[in-house]
Amino acid sequence: MGPIKKMKKFYGSAILVPEALEKIIHANQQIDSLRDRIEEISLQKDESIRALSQELDRQEKINELYFYTLFRDDDEEAEAMRKRFFRKVPKADGKTRLLQKANAKLISDFDKICTDNKIEYWMCGGTLLGAVRNGGCIPWDDDIDVAMMRDEISKLREILEKTDSEYTVTEFYQSWNLNKQLRFRPKAKANPCFLDIFIYDYGTRAGEQEWQLWLEDKRRIIAEIHEKPVDAKFLNVLGVWSDEKTSLSRKVRNLFEEYYGGITGKRKEGGPGGVTNNPELAKYVLWASDNFIPIANPQNSRIYDRDIVFPLKRIAYEGKELLAPNDSDTFLRVSYGDYYRLPKDIVSHFQHVNLDELDVDLINEYINKEA
């Protein structure tokens, strides 16, 4: 069928003058050409990404070779060399180090509150990694990560409210991944220091299959909420804080409780990981669905044997003895794989605090303040 017959079939009995018909045919040809070009560019982009990835892998191997050649002592085991290397990495300086000292005070105060009130937590993420690998804060890190079982967070909140503490726990409801991010921070909002709290639940099952089910369940929740037209306003912002006195904040909080339950609420029994509200039945602890981002792959899943985490131990961090998993090495290997490899984020680590806007006098005053 020729282009004119095609146009007549499409437009029916509509009368088209030859000039208009020619323009429409030409426009359609241009559109087809653009579609072909877009597909070509897309294929080129995919090929470029693959080539870049291969080059980065090659460069990483070269860097590792230099690393071994220049730093390894004669007859020294590779892991021993890596451990020695990370212990010798210089600490940060300037405003970055100042912020790290303030964060060290923050987690020290947090530890005192928890210890005095028999509340359990453990260092996780980059904080645990720094404690084990560097003996303190990772030189390019600027925040603090801890994990807590869900019911322990409820205890912490009650204590902070009863004692009229200078600290508070707030929630940030992220819109893009429907993640409930908990932060322990000073009530004085001018102080940018904060501590991320990752929520953990008890579970009865583990393994790659359970992790995949966990990911699928989280993705399902995200998809369902994103289809709700009533939440359009929320989905157009990065998120909202729980302590915002707005109708949007209240609606979003109710939405999260509908899908996940509140911090103090009981979790739905069963499901991926076999979530249970009875600690005595638990064989595992798992990163709670309302608090985790479904981008991990099976080898760094966040479902841990219970005896990897409990009983907790104290290890050194910035001159303090803080709580850590019972088997920190296995915990980190589950999370990161070989965590003694040269890190890839030395210059690309996400900055949580804008150092250009850091109030040096305020931070120094906070560091020197008695707990």
Protein backbone atom coordinates (compact mmCIF):
# COMPACT_ATOMS: atom_id res chain seq x y z
CA MET A 1 0.00 0.00 0.00
CA GLY A 2 1.46 3.36 -1.05
CA PRO A 3 1.77 6.40 1.28
CA ILE A 4 -1.29 8.18 -0.18
CA LYS A 5 -3.51 5.12 0.22
CA LYS A 6 -2.20 4.71 3.77
CA MET A 7 -3.10 8.33 4.55
CA LYS A 8 -6.57 7.93 3.00
CA LYS A 9 -7.16 4.78 5.02
CA PHE A 10 -6.06 6.58 8.20
CA TYR A 11 -8.02 9.81 7.63
CA GLY A 12 -11.08 8.17 6.04
CA SER A 13 -13.13 10.55 3.93
CA ALA A 14 -11.22 13.60 5.07
CA ILE A 15 -10.25 15.78 2.12
CA LEU A 16 -6.55 16.63 2.00
CA VAL A 17 -5.04 18.99 -0.54
CA PRO A 18 -1.88 17.57 -2.17
CA GLU A 19 0.43 20.08 -0.48
CA ALA A 20 -0.87 19.18 3.00
CA LEU A 21 -0.66 15.48 2.21
CA GLU A 22 2.95 15.88 1.10
CA LYS A 23 3.84 17.69 4.32
CA ILE A 24 2.21 15.00 6.46
CA ILE A 25 4.04 12.24 4.58
CA HIS A 26 7.33 14.12 4.94
CA ALA A 27 6.72 14.67 8.67
CA ASN A 28 6.01 10.96 9.16
CA GLN A 29 9.21 10.08 7.33
CA GLN A 30 11.15 12.44 9.60
CA ILE A 31 9.57 10.87 12.67
CA ASP A 32 10.53 7.37 11.46
CA SER A 33 14.06 8.62 10.81
CA LEU A 34 14.28 10.15 14.29
CA ARG A 35 13.06 6.92 15.86
CA ASP A 36 15.77 4.99 14.01
CA ARG A 37 18.37 7.54 15.15
CA ILE A 38 17.19 7.33 18.78
CA GLU A 39 17.49 3.54 18.67
CA GLU A 40 20.97 3.85 17.16
CA ILE A 41 22.07 6.33 19.84
CA SER A 42 20.66 4.07 22.55
CA LEU A 43 22.67 1.12 21.24
CA GLN A 44 25.81 3.28 21.03
CA LYS A 45 25.24 4.47 24.59
CA ASP A 46 24.91 0.88 25.86
CA GLU A 47 28.10 -0.06 24.04
CA SER A 48 29.92 2.98 25.47
CA ILE A 49 28.81 2.07 28.98
CA ARG A 50 30.06 -1.50 28.52
CA ALA A 51 33.39 -0.22 27.18
CA LEU A 52 33.76 2.24 30.05
CA SER A 53 32.94 -0.46 32.58
CA GLN A 54 35.58 -2.74 31.06
CA GLU A 55 38.14 0.09 31.16
CA LEU A 56 37.33 0.80 34.81
CA ASP A 57 37.74 -2.89 35.66
CA ARG A 58 41.10 -2.92 33.84
CA GLN A 59 42.25 0.21 35.66
CA GLU A 60 41.16 -1.26 38.99
CA LYS A 61 43.32 -4.34 38.35
CA ILE A 62 46.27 -2.08 37.48
CA ASN A 63 45.75 -0.10 40.69
CA GLU A 64 45.62 -3.33 42.70
CA LEU A 65 48.89 -4.44 41.08
CA TYR A 66 50.60 -1.13 41.98
CA PHE A 67 49.14 -1.43 45.45
CA TYR A 68 50.58 -4.90 46.01
CA THR A 69 53.95 -4.06 44.43
CA LEU A 70 54.59 -0.86 46.35
CA PHE A 71 53.10 -1.60 49.74
CA ARG A 72 53.46 -5.33 50.39
CA ASP A 73 56.38 -6.48 52.52
CA ASP A 74 58.34 -9.60 51.64
CA ASP A 75 56.44 -12.80 52.50
CA GLU A 76 53.52 -10.76 53.88
CA GLU A 77 50.05 -12.27 53.48
CA ALA A 78 47.74 -10.23 51.24
CA GLU A 79 45.04 -9.72 53.89
CA ALA A 80 47.59 -8.68 56.52
CA MET A 81 49.01 -6.15 54.06
CA ARG A 82 45.56 -4.72 53.35
CA LYS A 83 44.74 -4.42 57.04
CA ARG A 84 48.04 -2.64 57.67
CA PHE A 85 47.38 -0.31 54.74
CA PHE A 86 43.96 0.84 55.97
CA ARG A 87 45.27 1.41 59.48
CA LYS A 88 47.87 3.76 57.98
CA VAL A 89 45.47 5.78 55.83
CA PRO A 90 45.62 9.37 57.16
CA LYS A 91 42.57 10.84 58.85
CA ALA A 92 40.63 13.61 57.18
CA ASP A 93 41.54 17.22 57.88
CA GLY A 94 39.90 20.64 57.82
CA LYS A 95 36.11 20.92 57.98
CA THR A 96 35.63 17.26 57.12
CA ARG A 97 37.58 16.19 60.21
CA LEU A 98 35.77 18.77 62.33
CA LEU A 99 32.42 17.34 61.27
CA GLN A 100 33.67 13.81 61.97
CA LYS A 101 34.65 14.83 65.51
CA ALA A 102 31.16 16.26 66.01
CA ASN A 103 29.66 13.01 64.72
CA ALA A 104 31.89 11.07 67.12
CA LYS A 105 30.44 13.11 70.01
CA LEU A 106 26.94 12.48 68.69
CA ILE A 107 27.33 8.69 68.68
CA SER A 108 29.07 8.83 72.06
CA ASP A 109 26.06 10.67 73.54
CA PHE A 110 23.76 8.23 71.76
CA ASP A 111 25.66 5.29 73.25
CA LYS A 112 25.39 6.76 76.76
CA ILE A 113 21.62 7.21 76.45
CA CYS A 114 21.23 3.64 75.19
CA THR A 115 23.60 2.11 77.76
CA ASP A 116 22.00 3.94 80.69
CA ASN A 117 18.57 2.68 79.62
CA LYS A 118 19.53 -0.85 78.50
CA ILE A 119 18.71 -0.17 74.85
CA GLU A 120 20.60 -2.18 72.24
CA TYR A 121 21.99 -0.88 68.95
CA TRP A 122 24.97 -1.76 66.81
CA MET A 123 27.21 0.12 64.42
CA CYS A 124 26.58 -0.76 60.78
CA GLY A 125 27.30 0.54 57.28
CA GLY A 126 30.27 2.86 56.88
CA THR A 127 30.54 3.41 60.64
CA LEU A 128 31.14 -0.28 61.36
CA LEU A 129 33.38 -0.52 58.31
CA GLY A 130 35.46 2.38 59.62
CA ALA A 131 35.64 0.92 63.13
CA VAL A 132 36.87 -2.47 61.92
CA ARG A 133 39.02 -1.40 58.98
CA ASN A 134 40.30 2.06 59.95
CA GLY A 135 39.90 2.08 63.72
CA GLY A 136 37.58 5.10 63.45
CA CYS A 137 35.77 7.23 60.92
CA ILE A 138 36.50 6.47 57.26
CA PRO A 139 38.50 9.54 56.11
CA TRP A 140 35.98 10.45 53.38
CA ASP A 141 32.80 9.68 55.36
CA ASP A 142 30.58 12.32 56.98
CA ASP A 143 27.70 10.52 58.69
CA ILE A 144 26.98 7.83 61.29
CA ASP A 145 25.10 4.57 60.74
CA VAL A 146 23.60 2.36 63.43
CA ALA A 147 21.06 -0.47 63.40
CA MET A 148 18.37 -1.24 65.97
CA MET A 149 15.65 -3.82 66.37
CA ARG A 150 12.25 -2.21 65.92
CA ASP A 151 11.13 -2.47 69.55
CA GLU A 152 14.39 -0.87 70.74
CA ILE A 153 13.60 2.26 68.71
CA SER A 154 10.31 2.58 70.57
CA LYS A 155 12.19 2.48 73.89
CA LEU A 156 14.63 5.13 72.70
CA ARG A 157 11.83 7.49 71.70
CA GLU A 158 10.10 7.09 75.06
CA ILE A 159 13.33 7.88 76.94
CA LEU A 160 14.06 10.97 74.85
CA GLU A 161 10.54 12.31 75.49
CA LYS A 162 10.55 11.54 79.21
CA THR A 163 13.93 13.11 79.87
CA ASP A 164 13.36 16.17 77.68
CA SER A 165 16.61 15.30 75.92
CA GLU A 166 18.45 17.70 73.63
CA TYR A 167 18.15 14.96 71.01
CA THR A 168 15.21 13.64 69.03
CA VAL A 169 14.36 10.90 66.54
CA THR A 170 12.61 12.05 63.38
CA GLU A 171 11.48 10.26 60.24
CA PHE A 172 11.98 11.36 56.68
CA TYR A 173 9.52 9.77 54.27
CA GLN A 174 11.28 9.49 50.93
CA SER A 175 9.01 9.60 47.89
CA TRP A 176 11.16 7.96 45.21
CA ASN A 177 11.64 4.62 47.00
CA LEU A 178 8.99 4.85 49.73
CA ASN A 179 11.69 4.57 52.37
CA LYS A 180 11.25 5.62 56.00
CA GLN A 181 14.59 7.10 57.04
CA LEU A 182 15.06 7.49 60.81
CA ARG A 183 17.49 10.05 62.16
CA PHE A 184 18.76 10.70 65.68
CA ARG A 185 19.86 14.32 65.79
CA PRO A 186 20.07 17.41 68.00
CA LYS A 187 16.81 19.32 68.41
CA ALA A 188 18.79 22.43 67.49
CA LYS A 189 18.34 22.28 63.73
CA ALA A 190 21.32 24.58 63.13
CA ASN A 191 23.51 21.61 64.07
CA PRO A 192 23.84 19.48 60.90
CA CYS A 193 25.09 16.32 62.65
CA PHE A 194 22.84 13.29 62.47
CA LEU A 195 22.86 9.56 63.00
CA ASP A 196 20.96 7.27 60.62
CA ILE A 197 19.04 4.47 62.34
CA PHE A 198 18.37 1.37 60.25
CA ILE A 199 15.39 -0.67 61.42
CA TYR A 200 15.72 -4.44 61.76
CA ASP A 201 13.04 -7.09 62.28
CA TYR A 202 13.25 -10.67 63.50
CA GLY A 203 12.89 -13.44 60.91
CA THR A 204 12.59 -17.21 60.73
CA ARG A 205 13.92 -17.79 57.19
CA ALA A 206 16.91 -16.66 55.13
CA GLY A 207 18.67 -17.32 51.85
CA GLU A 208 18.88 -15.90 48.33
CA GLN A 209 15.29 -16.86 47.52
CA GLU A 210 13.98 -15.05 50.61
CA TRP A 211 16.02 -11.98 49.70
CA GLN A 212 14.53 -11.95 46.20
CA LEU A 213 11.03 -12.22 47.69
CA TRP A 214 11.91 -9.35 50.03
CA LEU A 215 12.98 -7.21 47.07
CA GLU A 216 9.83 -8.08 45.12
CA ASP A 217 7.60 -7.22 48.07
CA LYS A 218 9.25 -3.81 48.44
CA ARG A 219 8.94 -3.13 44.71
CA ARG A 220 5.26 -4.10 44.85
CA ILE A 221 4.62 -1.59 47.65
CA ILE A 222 6.44 1.16 45.73
CA ALA A 223 4.42 0.44 42.58
CA GLU A 224 1.09 0.40 44.44
CA ILE A 225 1.70 3.67 46.25
CA HIS A 226 2.95 5.38 43.11
CA GLU A 227 -0.35 4.51 41.42
CA LYS A 228 -2.37 6.31 44.09
CA PRO A 229 -3.48 9.69 42.63
CA VAL A 230 -4.17 11.01 46.13
CA ASP A 231 -0.41 11.06 46.76
CA ALA A 232 0.57 13.08 43.69
CA LYS A 233 1.72 16.04 45.79
CA PHE A 234 4.00 13.82 47.88
CA LEU A 235 5.46 12.13 44.80
CA ASN A 236 6.46 15.51 43.36
CA VAL A 237 8.83 16.31 46.25
CA LEU A 238 11.87 14.44 47.58
CA GLY A 239 9.98 13.61 50.76
CA VAL A 240 8.58 15.05 53.99
CA TRP A 241 9.68 15.07 57.63
CA SER A 242 7.49 13.52 60.30
CA ASP A 243 7.77 16.60 62.52
CA GLU A 244 6.40 18.94 59.84
CA LYS A 245 3.05 20.23 61.06
CA THR A 246 1.35 19.97 57.69
CA SER A 247 -1.59 18.01 56.30
CA LEU A 248 0.75 16.44 53.74
CA SER A 249 3.04 15.12 56.47
CA ARG A 250 0.07 13.61 58.33
CA LYS A 251 -1.27 11.97 55.15
CA VAL A 252 2.11 10.51 54.26
CA ARG A 253 2.63 9.21 57.80
CA ASN A 254 -0.77 7.49 57.65
CA LEU A 255 0.09 6.07 54.24
CA PHE A 256 3.32 4.53 55.53
CA GLU A 257 1.53 3.09 58.55
CA GLU A 258 -1.09 1.57 56.23
CA TYR A 259 1.56 -0.31 54.26
CA TYR A 260 4.27 -0.90 56.83
CA GLY A 261 2.80 -0.32 60.27
CA GLY A 262 4.20 2.17 62.76
CA ILE A 263 7.49 1.82 64.63
CA THR A 264 5.62 0.69 67.72
CA GLY A 265 3.15 -1.45 65.78
CA LYS A 266 3.41 -5.20 65.44
CA ARG A 267 4.74 -6.51 62.16
CA LYS A 268 2.63 -8.78 60.01
CA GLU A 269 3.69 -12.36 60.74
CA GLY A 270 5.19 -14.45 57.94
CA GLY A 271 5.91 -13.06 54.49
CA PRO A 272 9.43 -12.83 53.02
CA GLY A 273 12.05 -13.63 55.64
CA GLY A 274 9.38 -15.07 57.92
CA VAL A 275 9.03 -11.86 59.94
CA THR A 276 8.03 -12.62 63.51
CA ASN A 277 7.17 -10.50 66.54
CA ASN A 278 8.47 -13.21 68.86
CA PRO A 279 12.26 -12.89 69.32
CA GLU A 280 12.40 -16.40 70.79
CA LEU A 281 11.33 -17.87 67.43
CA ALA A 282 13.81 -15.78 65.43
CA LYS A 283 16.84 -17.36 63.79
CA TYR A 284 17.66 -14.29 61.71
CA VAL A 285 17.54 -10.51 61.74
CA LEU A 286 16.68 -8.66 58.56
CA TRP A 287 16.72 -5.09 57.31
CA ALA A 288 13.11 -3.92 57.65
CA SER A 289 11.14 -3.37 54.45
CA ASP A 290 10.02 0.15 55.41
CA ASN A 291 13.62 1.26 55.84
CA PHE A 292 15.62 -0.35 53.05
CA ILE A 293 16.26 0.50 49.40
CA PRO A 294 15.72 -2.42 46.98
CA ILE A 295 18.90 -2.02 44.94
CA ALA A 296 21.08 -4.66 46.61
CA ASN A 297 21.98 -7.92 44.94
CA PRO A 298 21.82 -11.36 46.61
CA GLN A 299 25.43 -11.44 47.73
CA ASN A 300 25.00 -8.35 49.89
CA SER A 301 21.55 -9.13 51.17
CA ARG A 302 20.66 -7.83 54.61
CA ILE A 303 19.35 -11.03 56.19
CA TYR A 304 21.79 -12.19 58.87
CA ASP A 305 22.03 -15.24 61.08
CA ARG A 306 21.04 -14.12 64.54
CA ASP A 307 24.33 -15.23 66.10
CA ILE A 308 26.23 -13.00 63.65
CA VAL A 309 24.61 -10.01 65.37
CA PHE A 310 23.90 -11.16 68.95
CA PRO A 311 25.23 -11.00 71.58
CA LEU A 312 26.66 -7.58 70.80
CA LYS A 313 30.29 -6.67 71.49
CA ARG A 314 32.12 -3.40 72.04
CA ILE A 315 34.88 -2.31 69.67
CA ALA A 316 36.90 0.89 69.32
CA TYR A 317 35.62 3.83 67.31
CA GLU A 318 37.25 7.27 67.54
CA GLY A 319 38.59 6.55 71.02
CA LYS A 320 35.29 5.16 72.35
CA GLU A 321 34.12 1.58 72.87
CA LEU A 322 30.83 1.25 71.00
CA LEU A 323 28.46 -1.62 70.28
CA ALA A 324 29.04 -3.78 67.22
CA PRO A 325 27.77 -7.14 65.92
CA ASN A 326 29.04 -10.28 67.60
CA ASP A 327 30.84 -11.22 64.37
CA SER A 328 31.60 -7.91 62.68
CA ASP A 329 33.78 -9.50 60.01
CA THR A 330 31.00 -11.78 58.74
CA PHE A 331 28.44 -8.99 59.05
CA LEU A 332 30.58 -6.76 56.81
CA ARG A 333 31.30 -9.54 54.33
CA VAL A 334 27.57 -10.24 53.97
CA SER A 335 27.05 -6.50 53.41
CA TYR A 336 30.04 -5.61 51.22
CA GLY A 337 31.88 -8.74 50.12
CA ASP A 338 35.66 -8.26 50.31
CA TYR A 339 35.70 -5.01 52.29
CA TYR A 340 39.51 -4.85 52.36
CA ARG A 341 39.70 -4.18 48.62
CA LEU A 342 40.66 -0.67 47.58
CA PRO A 343 37.42 1.36 47.85
CA LYS A 344 35.89 2.90 44.74
CA ASP A 345 34.23 5.87 46.45
CA ILE A 346 37.26 7.68 47.85
CA VAL A 347 36.54 10.76 45.72
CA SER A 348 32.88 10.07 44.87
CA HIS A 349 31.39 9.34 48.29
CA PHE A 350 28.04 11.09 48.71
CA GLN A 351 28.26 14.24 50.84
CA HIS A 352 25.44 14.55 53.36
CA VAL A 353 26.52 17.94 54.70
CA ASN A 354 27.55 21.00 52.67
CA LEU A 355 30.93 21.85 54.20
CA ASP A 356 30.91 25.33 52.64
CA GLU A 357 27.96 26.20 54.88
CA LEU A 358 29.34 24.54 58.02
CA ASP A 359 29.25 26.83 61.07
CA VAL A 360 32.69 26.13 62.54
CA ASP A 361 32.06 28.00 65.81
CA LEU A 362 28.77 26.16 66.41
CA ILE A 363 30.39 22.78 65.72
CA ASN A 364 33.35 23.50 68.02
CA GLU A 365 30.93 24.55 70.76
CA TYR A 366 29.00 21.31 70.33
CA ILE A 367 32.15 19.15 70.41
CA ASN A 368 33.31 20.75 73.66
CA LYS A 369 29.90 20.57 75.35
CA GLU A 370 29.55 18.09 78.21
CA ALA A 371 27.15 15.22 77.56
